[in-house]
Amino acid sequence: MEARKFVFLSPDYGSSITENGCCGSGCCDFEAVVLSGNAKDITNAVKQRYGALAERAGKRGLKASDNKASDQFYSEDQRLALTDEAAGASTGCGNPVKVADVKTGETVLDLGCGGGIDCFLAAKSVGNTGRVIGVDMTPRMISLARNNAKKLNASNVVFKRGHIEQIPQDETTVDLVISNGSISQSEWKHLVFSEIFRILKAGGRFVISDIITTEPLPDSVRDSTARWVEGVGGAAVKRSYLTMIEAAGFVDVEILEERASTRGNEEWSSSVVNLTLRAHKPAK
């Protein structure tokens, strides 16, 4: 595989965030993040897949399937609190809200929110005095999430279009960051964790579910755009993943759930793991 070459433009953290979720300085345009390399192909493939999923989310939500995260990881009570479209758009690898201990009045931000499933569940816990922000790079997913919010009368939830490597949110404004299977699709996980650290308040925390591996994947998997879109091709080895979190400045890293993935029967698939973990930004 050819070495990927990237050029990063620093986000303007001081810029104001507009109502449509853009933070200025081109942060809503992927060209502002990557100007060359294969990552653009991966990102476009992810957008195409999840854009298509948004279009058929309603029908998918009505059909029981082991491949649908809302059937696999969420309780019946949680599913009943959602629209069919929110349930049908779910593609995560866990249920971070279940173990996040979301509190009344908190500001929660969901990275890779999709149709909003975790946002709407968190919104019930934060109440009218709290706020939930969903971020996703796929325009059709953001449209779907906003339509779901209207159907559910979720007035304490907003959705912004943006990339998880450049989160459209001011620094130290969030109590809790959640994410469900999105970070594994990023080429720059260290940037994602740095961004999470930036937007969290002192003493804030993240609770994320993600796909990792216990051993390095074969080059044939890591070179496959299709596997990246699935969240497997970009999965980091567990020890490297935890090192990136600590390098970003987080403390008290705690693994809450760890289970073998059920993805395929290839020899390498036995090393794929669904992981849910929590970490904190130091209080001072």
C-alpha atoms as a PDB file:
ATOM      1  CA  MET A   1       0.000   0.000   0.000  1.00  0.00           C
ATOM      2  CA  GLU A   2       1.311   3.441  -0.884  1.00  0.00           C
ATOM      3  CA  ALA A   3       2.071   5.713   2.034  1.00  0.00           C
ATOM      4  CA  ARG A   4      -0.704   8.236   2.398  1.00  0.00           C
ATOM      5  CA  LYS A   5       0.310  11.886   2.303  1.00  0.00           C
ATOM      6  CA  PHE A   6      -1.904  14.422   3.983  1.00  0.00           C
ATOM      7  CA  VAL A   7      -1.928  18.156   4.454  1.00  0.00           C
ATOM      8  CA  PHE A   8      -3.833  19.488   7.449  1.00  0.00           C
ATOM      9  CA  LEU A   9      -5.165  22.991   7.853  1.00  0.00           C
ATOM     10  CA  SER A  10      -5.533  24.117  11.441  1.00  0.00           C
ATOM     11  CA  PRO A  11      -9.176  24.766  12.405  1.00  0.00           C
ATOM     12  CA  ASP A  12     -10.054  28.259  13.557  1.00  0.00           C
ATOM     13  CA  TYR A  13     -11.127  27.403  17.080  1.00  0.00           C
ATOM     14  CA  GLY A  14     -11.994  30.997  17.789  1.00  0.00           C
ATOM     15  CA  SER A  15     -14.548  31.284  15.004  1.00  0.00           C
ATOM     16  CA  SER A  16     -18.244  31.351  15.754  1.00  0.00           C
ATOM     17  CA  ILE A  17     -20.427  28.363  14.953  1.00  0.00           C
ATOM     18  CA  THR A  18     -23.309  29.096  12.623  1.00  0.00           C
ATOM     19  CA  GLU A  19     -26.794  27.646  12.935  1.00  0.00           C
ATOM     20  CA  ASN A  20     -26.150  25.024  10.244  1.00  0.00           C
ATOM     21  CA  GLY A  21     -23.212  23.690  12.242  1.00  0.00           C
ATOM     22  CA  CYS A  22     -20.291  25.206  10.335  1.00  0.00           C
ATOM     23  CA  CYS A  23     -17.484  26.623  12.433  1.00  0.00           C
ATOM     24  CA  GLY A  24     -16.010  28.762   9.681  1.00  0.00           C
ATOM     25  CA  SER A  25     -12.651  28.588   7.919  1.00  0.00           C
ATOM     26  CA  GLY A  26     -13.942  25.812   5.676  1.00  0.00           C
ATOM     27  CA  CYS A  27     -14.202  23.236   8.450  1.00  0.00           C
ATOM     28  CA  CYS A  28     -17.380  21.816   6.929  1.00  0.00           C
ATOM     29  CA  ASP A  29     -15.527  21.058   3.695  1.00  0.00           C
ATOM     30  CA  PHE A  30     -13.419  17.936   3.745  1.00  0.00           C
ATOM     31  CA  GLU A  31     -10.920  19.668   1.447  1.00  0.00           C
ATOM     32  CA  ALA A  32     -10.038  21.842   4.444  1.00  0.00           C
ATOM     33  CA  VAL A  33      -8.815  18.733   6.238  1.00  0.00           C
ATOM     34  CA  VAL A  34      -7.251  16.576   3.560  1.00  0.00           C
ATOM     35  CA  LEU A  35      -5.866  17.887   0.301  1.00  0.00           C
ATOM     36  CA  SER A  36      -4.337  14.700  -1.078  1.00  0.00           C
ATOM     37  CA  GLY A  37      -4.171  10.973  -0.489  1.00  0.00           C
ATOM     38  CA  ASN A  38      -6.529   8.010  -0.354  1.00  0.00           C
ATOM     39  CA  ALA A  39      -8.438   9.306   2.658  1.00  0.00           C
ATOM     40  CA  LYS A  40     -10.634  11.409   0.417  1.00  0.00           C
ATOM     41  CA  ASP A  41     -11.746   8.237  -1.360  1.00  0.00           C
ATOM     42  CA  ILE A  42     -12.525   6.583   1.967  1.00  0.00           C
ATOM     43  CA  THR A  43     -14.472   9.583   3.216  1.00  0.00           C
ATOM     44  CA  ASN A  44     -16.502   9.820   0.025  1.00  0.00           C
ATOM     45  CA  ALA A  45     -17.265   6.100   0.211  1.00  0.00           C
ATOM     46  CA  VAL A  46     -18.444   6.502   3.815  1.00  0.00           C
ATOM     47  CA  LYS A  47     -20.656   9.424   2.819  1.00  0.00           C
ATOM     48  CA  GLN A  48     -22.168   7.425  -0.047  1.00  0.00           C
ATOM     49  CA  ARG A  49     -22.893   4.408   2.134  1.00  0.00           C
ATOM     50  CA  TYR A  50     -24.481   6.352   4.966  1.00  0.00           C
ATOM     51  CA  GLY A  51     -26.302   8.688   2.614  1.00  0.00           C
ATOM     52  CA  ALA A  52     -27.906   5.642   0.985  1.00  0.00           C
ATOM     53  CA  LEU A  53     -28.673   4.209   4.420  1.00  0.00           C
ATOM     54  CA  ALA A  54     -30.432   7.429   5.403  1.00  0.00           C
ATOM     55  CA  GLU A  55     -32.691   7.071   2.366  1.00  0.00           C
ATOM     56  CA  ARG A  56     -33.888   3.599   3.405  1.00  0.00           C
ATOM     57  CA  ALA A  57     -33.717   3.990   7.179  1.00  0.00           C
ATOM     58  CA  GLY A  58     -37.501   3.883   7.659  1.00  0.00           C
ATOM     59  CA  LYS A  59     -37.927   0.524   5.909  1.00  0.00           C
ATOM     60  CA  ARG A  60     -34.856  -0.865   7.656  1.00  0.00           C
ATOM     61  CA  GLY A  61     -36.236   0.240  11.006  1.00  0.00           C
ATOM     62  CA  LEU A  62     -39.369  -1.850  10.520  1.00  0.00           C
ATOM     63  CA  LYS A  63     -37.422  -5.003   9.691  1.00  0.00           C
ATOM     64  CA  ALA A  64     -35.853  -7.018  12.496  1.00  0.00           C
ATOM     65  CA  SER A  65     -32.216  -7.765  11.720  1.00  0.00           C
ATOM     66  CA  ASP A  66     -29.192  -8.931  13.675  1.00  0.00           C
ATOM     67  CA  ASN A  67     -27.152  -6.506  11.575  1.00  0.00           C
ATOM     68  CA  LYS A  68     -29.071  -3.486  12.839  1.00  0.00           C
ATOM     69  CA  ALA A  69     -27.496  -1.974  15.935  1.00  0.00           C
ATOM     70  CA  SER A  70     -30.843  -0.925  17.400  1.00  0.00           C
ATOM     71  CA  ASP A  71     -31.933  -4.587  17.479  1.00  0.00           C
ATOM     72  CA  GLN A  72     -28.602  -5.890  18.704  1.00  0.00           C
ATOM     73  CA  PHE A  73     -27.564  -3.407  21.409  1.00  0.00           C
ATOM     74  CA  TYR A  74     -30.677  -1.493  22.536  1.00  0.00           C
ATOM     75  CA  SER A  75     -33.537  -2.516  24.820  1.00  0.00           C
ATOM     76  CA  GLU A  76     -37.146  -2.708  23.681  1.00  0.00           C
ATOM     77  CA  ASP A  77     -38.006   0.332  25.815  1.00  0.00           C
ATOM     78  CA  GLN A  78     -35.242   2.324  24.125  1.00  0.00           C
ATOM     79  CA  ARG A  79     -36.387   1.284  20.649  1.00  0.00           C
ATOM     80  CA  LEU A  80     -39.980   2.231  21.414  1.00  0.00           C
ATOM     81  CA  ALA A  81     -38.821   5.748  22.281  1.00  0.00           C
ATOM     82  CA  LEU A  82     -37.402   6.230  18.748  1.00  0.00           C
ATOM     83  CA  THR A  83     -38.754   6.735  15.270  1.00  0.00           C
ATOM     84  CA  ASP A  84     -38.418   3.852  12.816  1.00  0.00           C
ATOM     85  CA  GLU A  85     -35.995   6.026  10.860  1.00  0.00           C
ATOM     86  CA  ALA A  86     -33.698   6.619  13.853  1.00  0.00           C
ATOM     87  CA  ALA A  87     -33.642   2.916  14.647  1.00  0.00           C
ATOM     88  CA  GLY A  88     -33.112   1.974  11.007  1.00  0.00           C
ATOM     89  CA  ALA A  89     -30.156   4.310  10.578  1.00  0.00           C
ATOM     90  CA  SER A  90     -28.260   2.797  13.499  1.00  0.00           C
ATOM     91  CA  THR A  91     -24.989   1.052  12.631  1.00  0.00           C
ATOM     92  CA  GLY A  92     -23.075   1.260  15.913  1.00  0.00           C
ATOM     93  CA  CYS A  93     -21.186  -1.426  17.816  1.00  0.00           C
ATOM     94  CA  GLY A  94     -22.550  -0.816  21.315  1.00  0.00           C
ATOM     95  CA  ASN A  95     -24.839   1.329  23.454  1.00  0.00           C
ATOM     96  CA  PRO A  96     -22.730   4.075  25.056  1.00  0.00           C
ATOM     97  CA  VAL A  97     -25.722   5.947  26.486  1.00  0.00           C
ATOM     98  CA  LYS A  98     -26.638   2.915  28.604  1.00  0.00           C
ATOM     99  CA  VAL A  99     -23.400   3.164  30.588  1.00  0.00           C
ATOM    100  CA  ALA A 100     -22.671   6.905  30.309  1.00  0.00           C
ATOM    101  CA  ASP A 101     -24.616   7.976  33.413  1.00  0.00           C
ATOM    102  CA  VAL A 102     -26.028  11.020  31.610  1.00  0.00           C
ATOM    103  CA  LYS A 103     -27.131  13.658  34.113  1.00  0.00           C
ATOM    104  CA  THR A 104     -29.861  16.289  34.089  1.00  0.00           C
ATOM    105  CA  GLY A 105     -28.650  19.629  32.732  1.00  0.00           C
ATOM    106  CA  GLU A 106     -25.537  18.275  31.001  1.00  0.00           C
ATOM    107  CA  THR A 107     -24.353  19.205  27.522  1.00  0.00           C
ATOM    108  CA  VAL A 108     -23.723  16.019  25.535  1.00  0.00           C
ATOM    109  CA  LEU A 109     -22.100  15.788  22.107  1.00  0.00           C
ATOM    110  CA  ASP A 110     -22.374  12.713  19.870  1.00  0.00           C
ATOM    111  CA  LEU A 111     -19.687  12.128  17.231  1.00  0.00           C
ATOM    112  CA  GLY A 112     -20.961  10.417  14.092  1.00  0.00           C
ATOM    113  CA  CYS A 113     -24.561  10.750  15.250  1.00  0.00           C
ATOM    114  CA  GLY A 114     -26.184   9.255  12.143  1.00  0.00           C
ATOM    115  CA  GLY A 115     -29.964   9.437  12.403  1.00  0.00           C
ATOM    116  CA  GLY A 116     -29.720  10.528  16.031  1.00  0.00           C
ATOM    117  CA  ILE A 117     -30.440   7.337  18.000  1.00  0.00           C
ATOM    118  CA  ASP A 118     -27.993   8.045  20.848  1.00  0.00           C
ATOM    119  CA  CYS A 119     -28.790  11.763  20.814  1.00  0.00           C
ATOM    120  CA  PHE A 120     -32.488  11.169  21.434  1.00  0.00           C
ATOM    121  CA  LEU A 121     -31.829   8.687  24.221  1.00  0.00           C
ATOM    122  CA  ALA A 122     -29.397  11.109  25.879  1.00  0.00           C
ATOM    123  CA  ALA A 123     -31.882  13.958  25.456  1.00  0.00           C
ATOM    124  CA  LYS A 124     -34.353  12.205  27.748  1.00  0.00           C
ATOM    125  CA  SER A 125     -31.732  12.142  30.495  1.00  0.00           C
ATOM    126  CA  VAL A 126     -30.427  15.714  30.200  1.00  0.00           C
ATOM    127  CA  GLY A 127     -33.973  17.103  30.322  1.00  0.00           C
ATOM    128  CA  ASN A 128     -35.115  20.590  29.422  1.00  0.00           C
ATOM    129  CA  THR A 129     -32.142  22.206  31.166  1.00  0.00           C
ATOM    130  CA  GLY A 130     -29.624  20.185  29.181  1.00  0.00           C
ATOM    131  CA  ARG A 131     -28.600  20.048  25.554  1.00  0.00           C
ATOM    132  CA  VAL A 132     -27.524  17.361  23.105  1.00  0.00           C
ATOM    133  CA  ILE A 133     -25.475  18.085  19.963  1.00  0.00           C
ATOM    134  CA  GLY A 134     -25.119  15.560  17.161  1.00  0.00           C
ATOM    135  CA  VAL A 135     -22.277  15.848  14.634  1.00  0.00           C
ATOM    136  CA  ASP A 136     -22.108  13.928  11.357  1.00  0.00           C
ATOM    137  CA  MET A 137     -20.364  14.536   8.037  1.00  0.00           C
ATOM    138  CA  THR A 138     -23.100  13.051   5.828  1.00  0.00           C
ATOM    139  CA  PRO A 139     -25.656  15.671   4.715  1.00  0.00           C
ATOM    140  CA  ARG A 140     -28.487  13.172   4.265  1.00  0.00           C
ATOM    141  CA  MET A 141     -27.927  11.788   7.758  1.00  0.00           C
ATOM    142  CA  ILE A 142     -28.094  15.280   9.232  1.00  0.00           C
ATOM    143  CA  SER A 143     -31.349  15.910   7.352  1.00  0.00           C
ATOM    144  CA  LEU A 144     -32.738  12.609   8.610  1.00  0.00           C
ATOM    145  CA  ALA A 145     -31.695  13.379  12.187  1.00  0.00           C
ATOM    146  CA  ARG A 146     -33.349  16.810  12.073  1.00  0.00           C
ATOM    147  CA  ASN A 147     -36.560  15.286  10.708  1.00  0.00           C
ATOM    148  CA  ASN A 148     -36.472  12.696  13.492  1.00  0.00           C
ATOM    149  CA  ALA A 149     -36.050  15.475  16.058  1.00  0.00           C
ATOM    150  CA  LYS A 150     -39.208  17.169  14.757  1.00  0.00           C
ATOM    151  CA  LYS A 151     -41.189  13.924  14.921  1.00  0.00           C
ATOM    152  CA  LEU A 152     -40.028  13.312  18.496  1.00  0.00           C
ATOM    153  CA  ASN A 153     -40.433  16.970  19.576  1.00  0.00           C
ATOM    154  CA  ALA A 154     -36.840  16.837  20.784  1.00  0.00           C
ATOM    155  CA  SER A 155     -36.321  20.556  21.263  1.00  0.00           C
ATOM    156  CA  ASN A 156     -33.147  20.090  23.307  1.00  0.00           C
ATOM    157  CA  VAL A 157     -31.253  18.396  20.438  1.00  0.00           C
ATOM    158  CA  VAL A 158     -29.404  20.114  17.570  1.00  0.00           C
ATOM    159  CA  PHE A 159     -27.470  18.590  14.681  1.00  0.00           C
ATOM    160  CA  LYS A 160     -24.380  19.980  12.973  1.00  0.00           C
ATOM    161  CA  ARG A 161     -22.564  18.855   9.865  1.00  0.00           C
ATOM    162  CA  GLY A 162     -18.844  18.434  10.399  1.00  0.00           C
ATOM    163  CA  HIS A 163     -15.913  16.039  10.684  1.00  0.00           C
ATOM    164  CA  ILE A 164     -14.927  14.365  13.917  1.00  0.00           C
ATOM    165  CA  GLU A 165     -11.298  15.433  13.345  1.00  0.00           C
ATOM    166  CA  GLN A 166     -12.484  19.072  13.410  1.00  0.00           C
ATOM    167  CA  ILE A 167     -15.497  19.158  15.699  1.00  0.00           C
ATOM    168  CA  PRO A 168     -17.701  22.224  15.096  1.00  0.00           C
ATOM    169  CA  GLN A 169     -17.907  23.133  18.774  1.00  0.00           C
ATOM    170  CA  ASP A 170     -16.179  25.716  20.970  1.00  0.00           C
ATOM    171  CA  GLU A 171     -13.608  24.538  23.490  1.00  0.00           C
ATOM    172  CA  THR A 172     -14.544  23.557  27.067  1.00  0.00           C
ATOM    173  CA  THR A 173     -18.298  23.622  26.398  1.00  0.00           C
ATOM    174  CA  VAL A 174     -19.274  19.942  26.712  1.00  0.00           C
ATOM    175  CA  ASP A 175     -19.753  17.721  29.780  1.00  0.00           C
ATOM    176  CA  LEU A 176     -19.921  14.384  27.973  1.00  0.00           C
ATOM    177  CA  VAL A 177     -18.856  13.162  24.537  1.00  0.00           C
ATOM    178  CA  ILE A 178     -20.329   9.942  23.192  1.00  0.00           C
ATOM    179  CA  SER A 179     -19.660   8.065  19.973  1.00  0.00           C
ATOM    180  CA  ASN A 180     -20.768   4.740  18.576  1.00  0.00           C
ATOM    181  CA  GLY A 181     -18.585   3.042  15.984  1.00  0.00           C
ATOM    182  CA  SER A 182     -17.412   6.197  14.208  1.00  0.00           C
ATOM    183  CA  ILE A 183     -13.847   6.727  15.393  1.00  0.00           C
ATOM    184  CA  SER A 184     -12.692   3.469  13.779  1.00  0.00           C
ATOM    185  CA  GLN A 185     -13.510   5.022  10.383  1.00  0.00           C
ATOM    186  CA  SER A 186     -11.093   7.904  10.909  1.00  0.00           C
ATOM    187  CA  GLU A 187      -7.540   7.864   9.548  1.00  0.00           C
ATOM    188  CA  TRP A 188      -6.517  10.300  12.313  1.00  0.00           C
ATOM    189  CA  LYS A 189      -7.824   8.926  15.571  1.00  0.00           C
ATOM    190  CA  HIS A 190      -5.222  10.924  17.508  1.00  0.00           C
ATOM    191  CA  LEU A 191      -6.810  14.111  16.131  1.00  0.00           C
ATOM    192  CA  VAL A 192     -10.266  12.914  17.145  1.00  0.00           C
ATOM    193  CA  PHE A 193      -9.158  12.332  20.730  1.00  0.00           C
ATOM    194  CA  SER A 194      -7.378  15.706  20.789  1.00  0.00           C
ATOM    195  CA  GLU A 195     -10.589  17.363  19.609  1.00  0.00           C
ATOM    196  CA  ILE A 196     -12.635  15.564  22.244  1.00  0.00           C
ATOM    197  CA  PHE A 197     -10.180  16.786  24.867  1.00  0.00           C
ATOM    198  CA  ARG A 198     -10.458  20.345  23.505  1.00  0.00           C
ATOM    199  CA  ILE A 199     -14.246  20.600  23.674  1.00  0.00           C
ATOM    200  CA  LEU A 200     -14.689  18.902  27.050  1.00  0.00           C
ATOM    201  CA  LYS A 201     -14.922  20.960  30.199  1.00  0.00           C
ATOM    202  CA  ALA A 202     -12.380  20.314  32.929  1.00  0.00           C
ATOM    203  CA  GLY A 203     -13.476  17.111  34.634  1.00  0.00           C
ATOM    204  CA  GLY A 204     -15.617  16.149  31.635  1.00  0.00           C
ATOM    205  CA  ARG A 205     -15.679  12.638  30.249  1.00  0.00           C
ATOM    206  CA  PHE A 206     -16.227  10.609  27.139  1.00  0.00           C
ATOM    207  CA  VAL A 207     -17.965   7.248  26.790  1.00  0.00           C
ATOM    208  CA  ILE A 208     -17.497   5.641  23.390  1.00  0.00           C
ATOM    209  CA  SER A 209     -18.197   2.318  21.721  1.00  0.00           C
ATOM    210  CA  ASP A 210     -15.798   1.481  18.932  1.00  0.00           C
ATOM    211  CA  ILE A 211     -14.270  -1.328  16.880  1.00  0.00           C
ATOM    212  CA  ILE A 212     -10.707  -2.313  17.737  1.00  0.00           C
ATOM    213  CA  THR A 213      -8.522  -5.365  17.183  1.00  0.00           C
ATOM    214  CA  THR A 214      -6.357  -7.483  19.430  1.00  0.00           C
ATOM    215  CA  GLU A 215      -3.804  -8.043  16.651  1.00  0.00           C
ATOM    216  CA  PRO A 216      -2.813  -6.073  13.517  1.00  0.00           C
ATOM    217  CA  LEU A 217      -5.088  -6.683  10.543  1.00  0.00           C
ATOM    218  CA  PRO A 218      -3.764  -8.042   7.236  1.00  0.00           C
ATOM    219  CA  ASP A 219      -2.785  -5.448   4.634  1.00  0.00           C
ATOM    220  CA  SER A 220      -5.556  -6.750   2.380  1.00  0.00           C
ATOM    221  CA  VAL A 221      -8.108  -5.622   4.979  1.00  0.00           C
ATOM    222  CA  ARG A 222      -6.460  -2.293   5.772  1.00  0.00           C
ATOM    223  CA  ASP A 223      -6.137  -1.527   2.044  1.00  0.00           C
ATOM    224  CA  SER A 224      -9.829  -2.186   1.382  1.00  0.00           C
ATOM    225  CA  THR A 225     -12.070   0.869   1.149  1.00  0.00           C
ATOM    226  CA  ALA A 226     -15.082  -1.396   1.693  1.00  0.00           C
ATOM    227  CA  ARG A 227     -13.613  -2.644   4.974  1.00  0.00           C
ATOM    228  CA  TRP A 228     -12.916   0.948   6.054  1.00  0.00           C
ATOM    229  CA  VAL A 229     -16.547   1.845   5.341  1.00  0.00           C
ATOM    230  CA  GLU A 230     -17.605  -1.062   7.562  1.00  0.00           C
ATOM    231  CA  GLY A 231     -15.416   0.332  10.345  1.00  0.00           C
ATOM    232  CA  VAL A 232     -13.120  -2.692  10.301  1.00  0.00           C
ATOM    233  CA  GLY A 233     -10.329  -1.656   7.918  1.00  0.00           C
ATOM    234  CA  GLY A 234      -9.364   1.297  10.080  1.00  0.00           C
ATOM    235  CA  ALA A 235      -9.726  -0.451  13.426  1.00  0.00           C
ATOM    236  CA  ALA A 236      -6.701   0.209  15.629  1.00  0.00           C
ATOM    237  CA  VAL A 237      -4.924  -2.386  17.720  1.00  0.00           C
ATOM    238  CA  LYS A 238      -6.182  -2.115  21.306  1.00  0.00           C
ATOM    239  CA  ARG A 239      -2.857  -1.155  22.873  1.00  0.00           C
ATOM    240  CA  SER A 240      -2.315   1.613  20.284  1.00  0.00           C
ATOM    241  CA  TYR A 241      -5.877   2.851  20.721  1.00  0.00           C
ATOM    242  CA  LEU A 242      -5.461   3.207  24.484  1.00  0.00           C
ATOM    243  CA  THR A 243      -2.075   4.888  24.029  1.00  0.00           C
ATOM    244  CA  MET A 244      -3.642   7.537  21.755  1.00  0.00           C
ATOM    245  CA  ILE A 245      -6.267   8.282  24.397  1.00  0.00           C
ATOM    246  CA  GLU A 246      -3.661   8.752  27.125  1.00  0.00           C
ATOM    247  CA  ALA A 247      -1.438  10.815  24.807  1.00  0.00           C
ATOM    248  CA  ALA A 248      -4.346  13.223  24.249  1.00  0.00           C
ATOM    249  CA  GLY A 249      -4.311  13.949  27.993  1.00  0.00           C
ATOM    250  CA  PHE A 250      -7.099  11.735  29.311  1.00  0.00           C
ATOM    251  CA  VAL A 251      -6.945   9.981  32.667  1.00  0.00           C
ATOM    252  CA  ASP A 252      -8.867   7.204  34.433  1.00  0.00           C
ATOM    253  CA  VAL A 253      -9.322   5.211  31.234  1.00  0.00           C
ATOM    254  CA  GLU A 254     -11.735   2.383  32.019  1.00  0.00           C
ATOM    255  CA  ILE A 255     -12.981  -0.419  29.768  1.00  0.00           C
ATOM    256  CA  LEU A 256     -16.695  -0.867  30.459  1.00  0.00           C
ATOM    257  CA  GLU A 257     -17.573  -3.579  27.945  1.00  0.00           C
ATOM    258  CA  GLU A 258     -15.505  -5.759  25.652  1.00  0.00           C
ATOM    259  CA  ARG A 259     -17.001  -8.404  23.410  1.00  0.00           C
ATOM    260  CA  ALA A 260     -15.933 -10.306  20.328  1.00  0.00           C
ATOM    261  CA  SER A 261     -17.421  -8.972  17.123  1.00  0.00           C
ATOM    262  CA  THR A 262     -19.519 -11.225  14.909  1.00  0.00           C
ATOM    263  CA  ARG A 263     -18.147  -9.851  11.644  1.00  0.00           C
ATOM    264  CA  GLY A 264     -17.491 -12.631   9.147  1.00  0.00           C
ATOM    265  CA  ASN A 265     -15.658 -15.924   9.445  1.00  0.00           C
ATOM    266  CA  GLU A 266     -12.271 -14.956   7.990  1.00  0.00           C
ATOM    267  CA  GLU A 267      -9.293 -15.956  10.088  1.00  0.00           C
ATOM    268  CA  TRP A 268      -8.502 -12.347  10.996  1.00  0.00           C
ATOM    269  CA  SER A 269     -12.078 -11.605  12.106  1.00  0.00           C
ATOM    270  CA  SER A 270     -11.490 -13.380  15.435  1.00  0.00           C
ATOM    271  CA  SER A 271      -9.301 -10.456  16.473  1.00  0.00           C
ATOM    272  CA  VAL A 272     -12.052  -7.840  15.940  1.00  0.00           C
ATOM    273  CA  VAL A 273     -13.592  -6.574  19.186  1.00  0.00           C
ATOM    274  CA  ASN A 274     -16.427  -4.214  20.110  1.00  0.00           C
ATOM    275  CA  LEU A 275     -15.137  -2.035  22.940  1.00  0.00           C
ATOM    276  CA  THR A 276     -16.936   0.472  25.162  1.00  0.00           C
ATOM    277  CA  LEU A 277     -14.756   2.636  27.385  1.00  0.00           C
ATOM    278  CA  ARG A 278     -14.758   5.775  29.476  1.00  0.00           C
ATOM    279  CA  ALA A 279     -12.079   8.356  30.190  1.00  0.00           C
ATOM    280  CA  HIS A 280     -11.922  11.772  31.863  1.00  0.00           C
ATOM    281  CA  LYS A 281     -10.336  15.097  31.182  1.00  0.00           C
ATOM    282  CA  PRO A 282      -8.430  16.144  34.330  1.00  0.00           C
ATOM    283  CA  ALA A 283     -10.406  18.443  36.591  1.00  0.00           C
ATOM    284  CA  LYS A 284      -7.503  20.924  36.671  1.00  0.00           C
END
